[in-house]
């Protein structure tokens, strides 16, 4: 069935069941994606009854990524001399001489998302440029700022997805990001919003509330309205990207697995994205298994860690390498899971307060060694198996 017809079919099928259950329709071995031209780029496929990313060379690939990589952590007054003397003030040198070799040495095969906390509850740092991704020279994912409805962000109003200027904004985002990245074989795909507040909010953004009032889901009319609104959002973002990039995977919103989730939103997304992506700091192994079982869709743990959350200014906390190793192994066993991206960060700063390097570039040797061993076990298994 051609892709456009399949999407149309799914859209009508899912609309009929909206509000009742999650649709399950991708359990077959078909590697069909939203990509009109996947050749020579990362795509999806099944091998031995397991979903995998497939590299441009045609090999199964389980993405093992690190998130949050920002050179500003080397520009504090107390460590800026490292930045100036060691890297000559060049982000490209820092990426080539520090980031890329360290990630490879630690066994990570992907950069999951580079943007980093700047000040708590404020926006993250900027994304990498095309030149910076090229300096990285390894697989990566890129987030498109279609909307700023992140559960951790407290300053931005919600968009009205029905307005013409929303479509204009999506086209701008796509042509400013995707047109530049569309030919890069190292790009795995695009994320959208980080933990969007479709039907929930956090104390810091209670003033704006969720995108859609969850009380309205008590009626069939309300559930239908949310499905239609979310369908418009996912179709608009899909079409905007595909106008400029016909090659790369659509990884969609990075849902918060521990917040309320409306079936209408997920069902609306299914025809227009290739993967369901999640943040989960509580029980990712169970939750990703459940989401794959509910939908049949490939799933990605796009952000997770085991750390001490309630820190005070000046207090730092290590990432838990033992938890990481156990979680990675279990996710790899999930036939629908295509990867795990650790909520790093690469180098700790005074806002996030944890990272694999400290501000003097000293690694957290104990935790890094545990992660390195876990990453290498998965990589060796993949090499031997395929």
Protein backbone atom coordinates (compact mmCIF):
# COMPACT_ATOMS: atom_id res chain seq x y z
CA UNK A 1 0.00 0.00 0.00
CA UNK A 2 1.54 3.39 -0.94
CA UNK A 3 2.54 5.48 2.06
CA UNK A 4 0.08 8.31 1.50
CA UNK A 5 -2.84 5.92 1.13
CA UNK A 6 -1.75 4.02 4.21
CA UNK A 7 -1.64 7.20 6.27
CA UNK A 8 -5.07 8.22 5.05
CA UNK A 9 -6.42 4.76 5.92
CA UNK A 10 -4.87 4.85 9.38
CA UNK A 11 -6.16 8.33 10.04
CA UNK A 12 -9.76 7.30 9.43
CA UNK A 13 -9.33 3.99 11.28
CA UNK A 14 -7.87 5.65 14.36
CA UNK A 15 -10.44 8.44 14.39
CA UNK A 16 -13.18 5.85 14.73
CA UNK A 17 -11.67 4.55 17.97
CA UNK A 18 -10.44 7.81 19.45
CA UNK A 19 -10.75 8.06 23.19
CA UNK A 20 -11.26 4.33 23.66
CA UNK A 21 -7.92 2.66 23.23
CA UNK A 22 -4.50 2.97 21.67
CA UNK A 23 -4.35 1.77 18.09
CA UNK A 24 -2.09 -1.17 17.28
CA UNK A 25 -1.34 -1.51 13.62
CA UNK A 26 2.39 -1.84 13.03
CA UNK A 27 3.03 -5.33 14.29
CA UNK A 28 3.88 -6.67 10.85
CA UNK A 29 7.42 -6.89 9.53
CA UNK A 30 6.92 -4.04 7.09
CA UNK A 31 9.70 -1.44 7.49
CA UNK A 32 7.51 1.25 5.91
CA UNK A 33 8.20 4.75 7.27
CA UNK A 34 7.16 8.31 6.48
CA UNK A 35 10.41 8.69 4.48
CA UNK A 36 9.77 9.18 0.74
CA UNK A 37 13.49 8.64 0.02
CA UNK A 38 15.19 6.61 2.78
CA UNK A 39 18.01 5.25 0.62
CA UNK A 40 21.48 6.23 1.92
CA UNK A 41 20.01 7.46 5.23
CA UNK A 42 18.98 5.99 8.57
CA UNK A 43 15.68 4.15 8.38
CA UNK A 44 13.78 1.44 10.27
CA UNK A 45 13.45 -2.28 9.73
CA UNK A 46 12.98 -5.61 11.44
CA UNK A 47 15.66 -8.25 11.91
CA UNK A 48 14.94 -11.44 13.84
CA UNK A 49 11.55 -10.12 14.96
CA UNK A 50 13.09 -6.97 16.49
CA UNK A 51 12.78 -3.38 15.33
CA UNK A 52 16.12 -1.68 14.68
CA UNK A 53 17.40 1.48 13.17
CA UNK A 54 19.06 0.60 9.88
CA UNK A 55 22.24 2.51 9.00
CA UNK A 56 22.86 4.06 5.57
CA UNK A 57 25.04 0.99 4.93
CA UNK A 58 22.13 -1.33 5.71
CA UNK A 59 23.25 -2.60 9.15
CA UNK A 60 21.03 -2.90 12.26
CA UNK A 61 21.81 -0.15 14.74
CA UNK A 62 20.76 0.32 18.37
CA UNK A 63 21.25 3.98 19.22
CA UNK A 64 23.21 4.51 22.46
CA UNK A 65 23.26 8.24 22.95
CA UNK A 66 24.31 10.99 25.30
CA UNK A 67 22.27 14.18 25.69
CA UNK A 68 23.09 17.77 26.66
CA UNK A 69 26.43 18.89 25.25
CA UNK A 70 27.18 22.59 25.66
CA UNK A 71 30.59 24.33 25.53
CA UNK A 72 29.36 27.06 27.90
CA UNK A 73 30.29 24.70 30.76
CA UNK A 74 33.93 25.48 29.90
CA UNK A 75 33.44 29.24 30.05
CA UNK A 76 32.99 29.86 33.76
CA UNK A 77 35.54 32.30 35.22
CA UNK A 78 37.25 29.44 37.04
CA UNK A 79 37.78 27.24 33.95
CA UNK A 80 37.70 29.55 30.93
CA UNK A 81 41.49 29.26 30.59
CA UNK A 82 41.00 25.61 29.57
CA UNK A 83 38.68 26.81 26.83
CA UNK A 84 41.10 29.47 25.64
CA UNK A 85 44.40 27.61 25.88
CA UNK A 86 43.36 24.03 25.06
CA UNK A 87 40.75 24.72 22.39
CA UNK A 88 41.69 28.23 21.24
CA UNK A 89 38.16 29.42 21.95
CA UNK A 90 36.84 27.22 19.12
CA UNK A 91 33.71 25.12 19.49
CA UNK A 92 34.73 23.09 16.44
CA UNK A 93 38.07 22.19 18.06
CA UNK A 94 36.33 21.29 21.30
CA UNK A 95 33.93 18.98 19.48
CA UNK A 96 36.70 17.32 17.47
CA UNK A 97 39.24 17.04 20.30
CA UNK A 98 37.00 16.43 23.31
CA UNK A 99 33.38 15.54 22.60
CA UNK A 100 33.69 13.12 19.71
CA UNK A 101 36.69 11.11 20.96
CA UNK A 102 35.32 10.89 24.50
CA UNK A 103 31.91 9.67 23.39
CA UNK A 104 33.49 7.00 21.22
CA UNK A 105 35.85 5.96 24.00
CA UNK A 106 32.93 5.67 26.40
CA UNK A 107 31.02 3.48 23.94
CA UNK A 108 28.29 5.91 22.91
CA UNK A 109 27.41 5.74 19.22
CA UNK A 110 25.01 8.70 19.02
CA UNK A 111 24.49 12.25 20.21
CA UNK A 112 20.87 12.18 21.33
CA UNK A 113 20.20 15.89 21.80
CA UNK A 114 22.82 18.57 22.34
CA UNK A 115 20.76 21.35 23.94
CA UNK A 116 21.42 21.83 27.65
CA UNK A 117 19.91 23.45 30.72
CA UNK A 118 21.06 27.05 31.04
CA UNK A 119 19.12 28.28 34.08
CA UNK A 120 16.52 26.05 35.74
CA UNK A 121 13.02 26.45 34.28
CA UNK A 122 14.38 28.52 31.40
CA UNK A 123 15.01 27.54 27.82
CA UNK A 124 17.82 25.20 26.88
CA UNK A 125 20.94 26.29 25.04
CA UNK A 126 21.06 26.46 21.25
CA UNK A 127 21.39 23.45 18.99
CA UNK A 128 24.56 22.64 17.08
CA UNK A 129 25.10 24.23 13.68
CA UNK A 130 25.63 22.20 10.53
CA UNK A 131 29.39 22.78 10.81
CA UNK A 132 29.38 21.60 14.42
CA UNK A 133 27.49 18.42 13.54
CA UNK A 134 30.00 17.80 10.78
CA UNK A 135 32.85 18.25 13.26
CA UNK A 136 31.13 15.69 15.49
CA UNK A 137 31.15 13.16 12.62
CA UNK A 138 28.90 10.60 14.28
CA UNK A 139 25.16 9.81 14.29
CA UNK A 140 22.93 12.38 15.98
CA UNK A 141 19.34 13.55 16.43
CA UNK A 142 18.13 17.13 16.14
CA UNK A 143 15.20 18.85 17.86
CA UNK A 144 12.95 21.17 15.85
CA UNK A 145 11.42 24.04 17.90
CA UNK A 146 7.91 23.85 16.48
CA UNK A 147 6.45 24.66 19.89
CA UNK A 148 7.89 25.50 23.31
CA UNK A 149 5.29 23.64 25.38
CA UNK A 150 7.92 21.83 27.41
CA UNK A 151 6.83 20.80 30.89
CA UNK A 152 9.95 22.39 32.38
CA UNK A 153 9.60 25.77 30.62
CA UNK A 154 7.62 28.57 32.24
CA UNK A 155 7.62 31.54 29.88
CA UNK A 156 6.00 30.67 26.54
CA UNK A 157 2.39 30.76 25.43
CA UNK A 158 0.84 27.85 23.55
CA UNK A 159 0.37 28.10 19.79
CA UNK A 160 -3.05 27.88 18.18
CA UNK A 161 -2.54 25.04 15.72
CA UNK A 162 -5.55 26.16 13.66
CA UNK A 163 -4.10 29.56 12.75
CA UNK A 164 -2.40 30.23 9.43
CA UNK A 165 0.61 31.77 11.18
CA UNK A 166 1.20 28.42 12.96
CA UNK A 167 1.67 26.80 9.56
CA UNK A 168 3.91 29.68 8.52
CA UNK A 169 6.01 29.16 11.66
CA UNK A 170 6.35 25.41 10.99
CA UNK A 171 7.48 26.13 7.45
CA UNK A 172 10.04 28.60 8.77
CA UNK A 173 11.40 26.10 11.29
CA UNK A 174 11.65 23.41 8.62
CA UNK A 175 13.37 25.54 6.02
CA UNK A 176 15.79 27.03 8.56
CA UNK A 177 16.75 23.64 10.08
CA UNK A 178 15.80 20.77 7.76
CA UNK A 179 16.91 22.34 4.49
CA UNK A 180 20.41 22.65 5.94
CA UNK A 181 20.50 19.12 7.41
CA UNK A 182 18.59 17.19 4.77
CA UNK A 183 21.60 15.65 3.03
CA UNK A 184 23.54 14.61 6.14
CA UNK A 185 23.72 10.80 6.41
CA UNK A 186 24.77 11.07 10.08
CA UNK A 187 21.42 12.59 11.04
CA UNK A 188 19.10 9.88 12.39
CA UNK A 189 15.99 12.03 12.61
CA UNK A 190 14.08 14.91 14.14
CA UNK A 191 12.52 15.35 17.56
CA UNK A 192 9.84 17.99 18.16
CA UNK A 193 8.86 19.24 21.62
CA UNK A 194 10.52 18.00 24.81
CA UNK A 195 7.79 16.71 27.17
CA UNK A 196 4.92 18.72 25.66
CA UNK A 197 2.07 19.64 27.98
CA UNK A 198 -0.82 18.27 25.93
CA UNK A 199 -3.09 17.57 28.91
CA UNK A 200 -0.87 18.29 31.91
CA UNK A 201 1.18 21.09 33.37
CA UNK A 202 3.74 21.64 36.09
CA UNK A 203 3.70 24.20 38.94
CA UNK A 204 6.12 26.47 37.04
CA UNK A 205 3.72 26.82 34.11
CA UNK A 206 0.36 26.49 35.80
CA UNK A 207 -0.42 30.02 34.60
CA UNK A 208 -0.72 28.84 31.00
CA UNK A 209 -2.23 25.42 31.68
CA UNK A 210 -2.09 22.49 29.25
CA UNK A 211 -2.60 22.71 25.51
CA UNK A 212 -6.00 21.04 25.89
CA UNK A 213 -8.22 21.03 28.97
CA UNK A 214 -8.30 17.41 30.26
CA UNK A 215 -11.80 17.97 31.69
CA UNK A 216 -13.10 18.07 28.14
CA UNK A 217 -11.97 14.49 27.60
CA UNK A 218 -14.93 13.34 29.66
CA UNK A 219 -17.16 13.79 26.60
CA UNK A 220 -16.96 12.16 23.18
CA UNK A 221 -17.07 15.60 21.57
CA UNK A 222 -14.05 16.68 23.61
CA UNK A 223 -12.10 13.55 22.75
CA UNK A 224 -12.86 14.03 19.07
CA UNK A 225 -11.77 17.65 19.28
CA UNK A 226 -8.41 16.71 20.83
CA UNK A 227 -7.84 14.05 18.19
CA UNK A 228 -8.56 16.55 15.42
CA UNK A 229 -6.32 19.20 17.02
CA UNK A 230 -3.42 16.79 17.51
CA UNK A 231 -3.88 15.41 13.98
CA UNK A 232 -3.56 18.94 12.63
CA UNK A 233 -0.39 19.47 14.67
CA UNK A 234 1.29 16.26 13.52
CA UNK A 235 0.22 16.61 9.90
CA UNK A 236 1.42 20.21 9.74
CA UNK A 237 4.81 19.40 11.25
CA UNK A 238 5.17 16.32 9.03
CA UNK A 239 4.31 18.22 5.86
CA UNK A 240 6.62 21.10 6.75
CA UNK A 241 9.58 18.77 7.24
CA UNK A 242 8.87 16.74 4.12
CA UNK A 243 8.81 19.91 2.03
CA UNK A 244 12.53 20.29 2.73
CA UNK A 245 13.76 16.85 3.84
CA UNK A 246 12.51 13.62 2.29
CA UNK A 247 15.22 11.44 3.81
CA UNK A 248 15.28 11.41 7.60
CA UNK A 249 13.15 9.78 10.26
CA UNK A 250 10.52 11.67 12.23
CA UNK A 251 11.02 10.91 15.94
CA UNK A 252 8.17 13.17 17.06
CA UNK A 253 7.52 14.66 20.46
CA UNK A 254 9.50 13.34 23.42
CA UNK A 255 6.54 12.43 25.66
CA UNK A 256 6.84 12.41 29.45
CA UNK A 257 6.00 8.79 30.25
CA UNK A 258 5.02 9.61 33.84
CA UNK A 259 2.56 12.39 33.02
CA UNK A 260 -1.05 11.92 31.87
CA UNK A 261 -1.15 10.76 28.26
CA UNK A 262 -4.23 11.04 26.05
CA UNK A 263 -4.82 8.19 23.58
CA UNK A 264 -6.15 10.81 21.19
CA UNK A 265 -2.77 12.51 20.97
CA UNK A 266 -0.76 9.33 20.46
CA UNK A 267 -3.25 7.93 17.95
CA UNK A 268 -3.15 11.20 16.04
CA UNK A 269 0.66 11.02 15.90
CA UNK A 270 0.97 7.42 14.68
CA UNK A 271 0.48 7.99 10.94
CA UNK A 272 2.76 11.02 10.86
CA UNK A 273 5.83 9.94 12.86
CA UNK A 274 8.12 6.91 12.60
CA UNK A 275 8.94 6.37 16.28
CA UNK A 276 7.31 7.09 19.65
CA UNK A 277 9.88 8.83 21.84
CA UNK A 278 9.75 9.15 25.63
CA UNK A 279 11.41 10.75 28.63
CA UNK A 280 11.19 8.51 31.68
CA UNK A 281 13.09 8.86 34.94
CA UNK A 282 11.04 6.31 36.89
CA UNK A 283 10.33 3.03 35.12
CA UNK A 284 11.45 3.19 31.48
CA UNK A 285 11.84 -0.56 30.95
CA UNK A 286 8.21 -1.26 31.85
CA UNK A 287 6.77 1.81 30.21
CA UNK A 288 8.52 1.36 26.85
CA UNK A 289 7.47 -2.27 26.76
CA UNK A 290 3.87 -1.21 27.37
CA UNK A 291 3.94 1.52 24.73
CA UNK A 292 5.30 -0.83 22.10
CA UNK A 293 2.69 -3.41 23.00
CA UNK A 294 -0.11 -0.83 22.85
CA UNK A 295 0.83 0.63 19.49
CA UNK A 296 3.15 -1.78 17.69
CA UNK A 297 5.30 1.25 16.95
CA UNK A 298 9.09 1.35 17.44
CA UNK A 299 9.91 3.17 20.68
CA UNK A 300 12.92 5.18 21.84
CA UNK A 301 13.96 6.13 25.36
CA UNK A 302 15.02 9.63 24.39
CA UNK A 303 15.94 10.91 27.86
CA UNK A 304 16.44 9.16 31.19
CA UNK A 305 18.85 8.94 34.11
CA UNK A 306 19.02 7.85 37.74
CA UNK A 307 20.30 10.78 39.78
CA UNK A 308 19.49 12.70 42.94
CA UNK A 309 17.01 15.39 41.94
CA UNK A 310 16.71 17.50 45.07
CA UNK A 311 20.10 19.18 45.03
CA UNK A 312 20.93 22.62 46.35
CA UNK A 313 23.13 25.25 44.66
CA UNK A 314 26.72 24.07 44.77
CA UNK A 315 25.78 20.41 45.28
CA UNK A 316 26.57 17.96 42.48
CA UNK A 317 25.29 14.44 41.99
CA UNK A 318 26.72 11.56 39.94
CA UNK A 319 24.86 9.65 37.27
CA UNK A 320 24.17 6.04 38.29
CA UNK A 321 26.22 3.77 36.05
CA UNK A 322 24.84 0.54 37.53
CA UNK A 323 21.26 1.61 36.85
CA UNK A 324 22.29 2.72 33.38
CA UNK A 325 23.85 -0.66 32.54
CA UNK A 326 20.83 -2.61 33.78
CA UNK A 327 18.37 -0.36 31.97
CA UNK A 328 20.30 -0.45 28.70
CA UNK A 329 20.41 -4.24 28.74
CA UNK A 330 16.68 -4.57 29.39
CA UNK A 331 15.73 -2.02 26.75
CA UNK A 332 17.88 -3.81 24.21
CA UNK A 333 15.78 -6.93 24.87
CA UNK A 334 12.56 -5.07 24.08
CA UNK A 335 11.69 -6.07 20.47
CA UNK A 336 10.25 -2.62 19.83
CA UNK A 337 12.99 -0.47 21.36
CA UNK A 338 15.53 1.11 19.01
CA UNK A 339 17.71 2.87 21.59
CA UNK A 340 18.45 4.67 24.85
CA UNK A 341 19.75 8.23 25.18
CA UNK A 342 21.15 9.09 28.60
CA UNK A 343 20.23 12.42 30.19
CA UNK A 344 23.98 13.15 30.51
CA UNK A 345 25.16 15.71 30.64
CA UNK A 346 28.50 15.67 28.84
CA UNK A 347 29.93 18.25 31.23
CA UNK A 348 28.17 19.38 34.36
CA UNK A 349 27.17 22.97 34.87
CA UNK A 350 25.78 24.85 37.86
CA UNK A 351 22.19 24.56 36.65
CA UNK A 352 21.98 20.83 35.87
CA UNK A 353 24.54 19.86 38.57
CA UNK A 354 25.52 16.52 37.08
CA UNK A 355 27.60 15.34 34.14
CA UNK A 356 30.16 12.79 33.03
CA UNK A 357 32.92 15.42 33.12
CA UNK A 358 33.36 18.03 35.81
CA UNK A 359 34.18 21.66 35.04
CA UNK A 360 37.90 20.86 34.92
CA UNK A 361 37.26 18.05 32.39
CA UNK A 362 37.90 15.29 34.90
CA UNK A 363 35.68 12.26 34.15
CA UNK A 364 33.48 10.59 36.74
CA UNK A 365 35.67 7.50 36.34
CA UNK A 366 33.58 5.04 38.35
CA UNK A 367 30.29 5.76 36.60
CA UNK A 368 31.82 6.23 33.16
CA UNK A 369 33.56 2.85 33.38
CA UNK A 370 30.25 1.13 34.15
CA UNK A 371 28.57 2.87 31.24
CA UNK A 372 31.47 2.12 28.92
CA UNK A 373 31.33 -1.60 29.74
CA UNK A 374 27.56 -1.69 29.21
CA UNK A 375 27.79 0.16 25.90
CA UNK A 376 30.52 -2.13 24.62
CA UNK A 377 28.53 -5.26 25.51
CA UNK A 378 25.65 -4.06 23.35
CA UNK A 379 27.95 -3.05 20.51
CA UNK A 380 29.80 -6.36 20.54
CA UNK A 381 26.53 -8.28 20.60
CA UNK A 382 25.32 -6.33 17.56
CA UNK A 383 28.57 -6.96 15.70
CA UNK A 384 28.50 -10.68 16.44
CA UNK A 385 24.78 -11.10 15.78
CA UNK A 386 24.66 -9.22 12.49
